[in-house]
């Protein structure tokens, strides 16, 4: 039988906070048109999504990555907005879960 590491609720909240911080950093990098740095930060975010149980965010970050690669600020803003909405929804859902 395979053992899996359980990520507790506190860790999931920490990761959501991390993603929000990184999202703000990406926004700053896009605003200053530092596209390559933004791509690196996006890749950092995606690196541990599976571990923390947020692999469903992956397509949103792929959408953002595509917008950054195209250097399209409007698409980037829309993608960042969708990511923020999803992070807010996840935070609310986690808050409603009983403690483990």
C-alpha atoms as a PDB file:
ATOM      1  CA  UNK A   1       0.000   0.000   0.000  1.00  0.00           C
ATOM      2  CA  UNK A   2       1.333   3.394  -0.966  1.00  0.00           C
ATOM      3  CA  UNK A   3       1.650   6.054   1.719  1.00  0.00           C
ATOM      4  CA  UNK A   4       0.878   9.650   0.861  1.00  0.00           C
ATOM      5  CA  UNK A   5       1.824  12.724   2.783  1.00  0.00           C
ATOM      6  CA  UNK A   6      -1.167  14.560   4.168  1.00  0.00           C
ATOM      7  CA  UNK A   7      -1.160  18.312   3.874  1.00  0.00           C
ATOM      8  CA  UNK A   8      -3.103  19.840   6.721  1.00  0.00           C
ATOM      9  CA  UNK A   9      -5.466  22.795   6.566  1.00  0.00           C
ATOM     10  CA  UNK A  10      -2.876  25.195   7.975  1.00  0.00           C
ATOM     11  CA  UNK A  11      -0.498  24.281   5.144  1.00  0.00           C
ATOM     12  CA  UNK A  12      -3.212  24.789   2.560  1.00  0.00           C
ATOM     13  CA  UNK A  13      -3.945  28.280   3.924  1.00  0.00           C
ATOM     14  CA  UNK A  14      -0.210  29.027   3.906  1.00  0.00           C
ATOM     15  CA  UNK A  15      -0.025  27.981   0.257  1.00  0.00           C
ATOM     16  CA  UNK A  16      -3.024  30.141  -0.689  1.00  0.00           C
ATOM     17  CA  UNK A  17      -1.288  33.101   0.979  1.00  0.00           C
ATOM     18  CA  UNK A  18       1.894  32.251  -0.910  1.00  0.00           C
ATOM     19  CA  UNK A  19       0.012  32.171  -4.221  1.00  0.00           C
ATOM     20  CA  UNK A  20      -1.607  35.528  -3.483  1.00  0.00           C
ATOM     21  CA  UNK A  21       1.785  37.050  -2.708  1.00  0.00           C
ATOM     22  CA  UNK A  22       3.224  35.587  -5.895  1.00  0.00           C
ATOM     23  CA  UNK A  23       0.219  36.810  -7.867  1.00  0.00           C
ATOM     24  CA  UNK A  24       0.933  40.378  -6.694  1.00  0.00           C
ATOM     25  CA  UNK A  25       4.579  39.935  -7.642  1.00  0.00           C
ATOM     26  CA  UNK A  26       3.557  38.714 -11.110  1.00  0.00           C
ATOM     27  CA  UNK A  27       1.280  41.742 -11.481  1.00  0.00           C
ATOM     28  CA  UNK A  28       4.207  44.055 -10.657  1.00  0.00           C
ATOM     29  CA  UNK A  29       6.469  42.253 -13.124  1.00  0.00           C
ATOM     30  CA  UNK A  30       3.823  42.520 -15.849  1.00  0.00           C
ATOM     31  CA  UNK A  31       3.307  46.208 -15.088  1.00  0.00           C
ATOM     32  CA  UNK A  32       7.019  46.811 -15.504  1.00  0.00           C
ATOM     33  CA  UNK A  33       7.045  44.585 -18.608  1.00  0.00           C
ATOM     34  CA  UNK A  34       9.530  42.176 -17.072  1.00  0.00           C
ATOM     35  CA  UNK A  35       8.008  39.260 -18.964  1.00  0.00           C
ATOM     36  CA  UNK A  36      10.765  36.674 -18.399  1.00  0.00           C
ATOM     37  CA  UNK A  37      10.749  37.226 -14.643  1.00  0.00           C
ATOM     38  CA  UNK A  38       6.961  36.902 -14.624  1.00  0.00           C
ATOM     39  CA  UNK A  39       7.264  33.558 -16.429  1.00  0.00           C
ATOM     40  CA  UNK A  40       9.762  32.354 -13.826  1.00  0.00           C
ATOM     41  CA  UNK A  41       7.443  33.303 -10.980  1.00  0.00           C
ATOM     42  CA  UNK A  42       4.515  31.547 -12.661  1.00  0.00           C
ATOM     43  CA  UNK A  43       6.637  28.405 -12.979  1.00  0.00           C
ATOM     44  CA  UNK A  44       7.539  28.631  -9.271  1.00  0.00           C
ATOM     45  CA  UNK A  45       3.847  28.776  -8.373  1.00  0.00           C
ATOM     46  CA  UNK A  46       2.978  25.773 -10.497  1.00  0.00           C
ATOM     47  CA  UNK A  47       5.819  23.729  -9.047  1.00  0.00           C
ATOM     48  CA  UNK A  48       4.019  22.679  -5.888  1.00  0.00           C
ATOM     49  CA  UNK A  49       0.326  22.888  -6.755  1.00  0.00           C
ATOM     50  CA  UNK A  50      -0.081  19.113  -6.811  1.00  0.00           C
ATOM     51  CA  UNK A  51       1.638  18.703  -3.460  1.00  0.00           C
ATOM     52  CA  UNK A  52      -0.738  21.133  -1.755  1.00  0.00           C
ATOM     53  CA  UNK A  53      -3.805  19.711  -3.515  1.00  0.00           C
ATOM     54  CA  UNK A  54      -4.454  22.633  -5.835  1.00  0.00           C
ATOM     55  CA  UNK A  55      -3.754  21.042  -9.214  1.00  0.00           C
ATOM     56  CA  UNK A  56      -7.090  22.447 -10.421  1.00  0.00           C
ATOM     57  CA  UNK A  57      -5.404  25.882 -10.462  1.00  0.00           C
ATOM     58  CA  UNK A  58      -2.927  24.672 -13.054  1.00  0.00           C
ATOM     59  CA  UNK A  59      -5.062  25.656 -16.100  1.00  0.00           C
ATOM     60  CA  UNK A  60      -5.485  29.191 -14.738  1.00  0.00           C
ATOM     61  CA  UNK A  61      -1.740  29.581 -14.430  1.00  0.00           C
ATOM     62  CA  UNK A  62      -1.276  28.106 -17.910  1.00  0.00           C
ATOM     63  CA  UNK A  63      -3.677  30.755 -19.205  1.00  0.00           C
ATOM     64  CA  UNK A  64      -1.638  33.423 -17.423  1.00  0.00           C
ATOM     65  CA  UNK A  65       1.585  31.990 -18.788  1.00  0.00           C
ATOM     66  CA  UNK A  66       0.180  32.117 -22.321  1.00  0.00           C
ATOM     67  CA  UNK A  67      -0.813  35.755 -21.855  1.00  0.00           C
ATOM     68  CA  UNK A  68       2.625  36.643 -20.490  1.00  0.00           C
ATOM     69  CA  UNK A  69       4.341  34.842 -23.376  1.00  0.00           C
ATOM     70  CA  UNK A  70       2.204  36.889 -25.779  1.00  0.00           C
ATOM     71  CA  UNK A  71       3.092  40.023 -23.774  1.00  0.00           C
ATOM     72  CA  UNK A  72      -0.579  40.984 -23.650  1.00  0.00           C
ATOM     73  CA  UNK A  73      -1.276  43.070 -20.554  1.00  0.00           C
ATOM     74  CA  UNK A  74      -5.064  42.941 -20.927  1.00  0.00           C
ATOM     75  CA  UNK A  75      -5.096  39.133 -21.095  1.00  0.00           C
ATOM     76  CA  UNK A  76      -2.701  39.022 -18.166  1.00  0.00           C
ATOM     77  CA  UNK A  77      -4.993  41.217 -16.070  1.00  0.00           C
ATOM     78  CA  UNK A  78      -8.011  39.055 -16.863  1.00  0.00           C
ATOM     79  CA  UNK A  79      -6.103  35.869 -16.037  1.00  0.00           C
ATOM     80  CA  UNK A  80      -4.840  37.355 -12.761  1.00  0.00           C
ATOM     81  CA  UNK A  81      -8.388  38.402 -11.900  1.00  0.00           C
ATOM     82  CA  UNK A  82      -9.671  34.845 -12.480  1.00  0.00           C
ATOM     83  CA  UNK A  83      -6.852  33.461 -10.346  1.00  0.00           C
ATOM     84  CA  UNK A  84      -7.704  35.875  -7.507  1.00  0.00           C
ATOM     85  CA  UNK A  85     -11.394  34.956  -7.665  1.00  0.00           C
ATOM     86  CA  UNK A  86     -10.519  31.268  -7.523  1.00  0.00           C
ATOM     87  CA  UNK A  87      -8.113  31.763  -4.609  1.00  0.00           C
ATOM     88  CA  UNK A  88     -10.860  33.623  -2.726  1.00  0.00           C
ATOM     89  CA  UNK A  89     -13.315  30.779  -3.392  1.00  0.00           C
ATOM     90  CA  UNK A  90     -10.775  28.223  -2.191  1.00  0.00           C
ATOM     91  CA  UNK A  91     -10.079  30.220   0.973  1.00  0.00           C
ATOM     92  CA  UNK A  92     -13.812  30.330   1.764  1.00  0.00           C
ATOM     93  CA  UNK A  93     -14.187  26.607   1.073  1.00  0.00           C
ATOM     94  CA  UNK A  94     -11.235  25.767   3.320  1.00  0.00           C
ATOM     95  CA  UNK A  95     -12.571  27.983   6.099  1.00  0.00           C
ATOM     96  CA  UNK A  96     -15.841  26.031   6.062  1.00  0.00           C
ATOM     97  CA  UNK A  97     -14.075  22.675   6.445  1.00  0.00           C
ATOM     98  CA  UNK A  98     -13.916  21.232   9.945  1.00  0.00           C
ATOM     99  CA  UNK A  99     -10.475  21.070  11.554  1.00  0.00           C
ATOM    100  CA  UNK A 100      -8.673  17.799  11.108  1.00  0.00           C
END
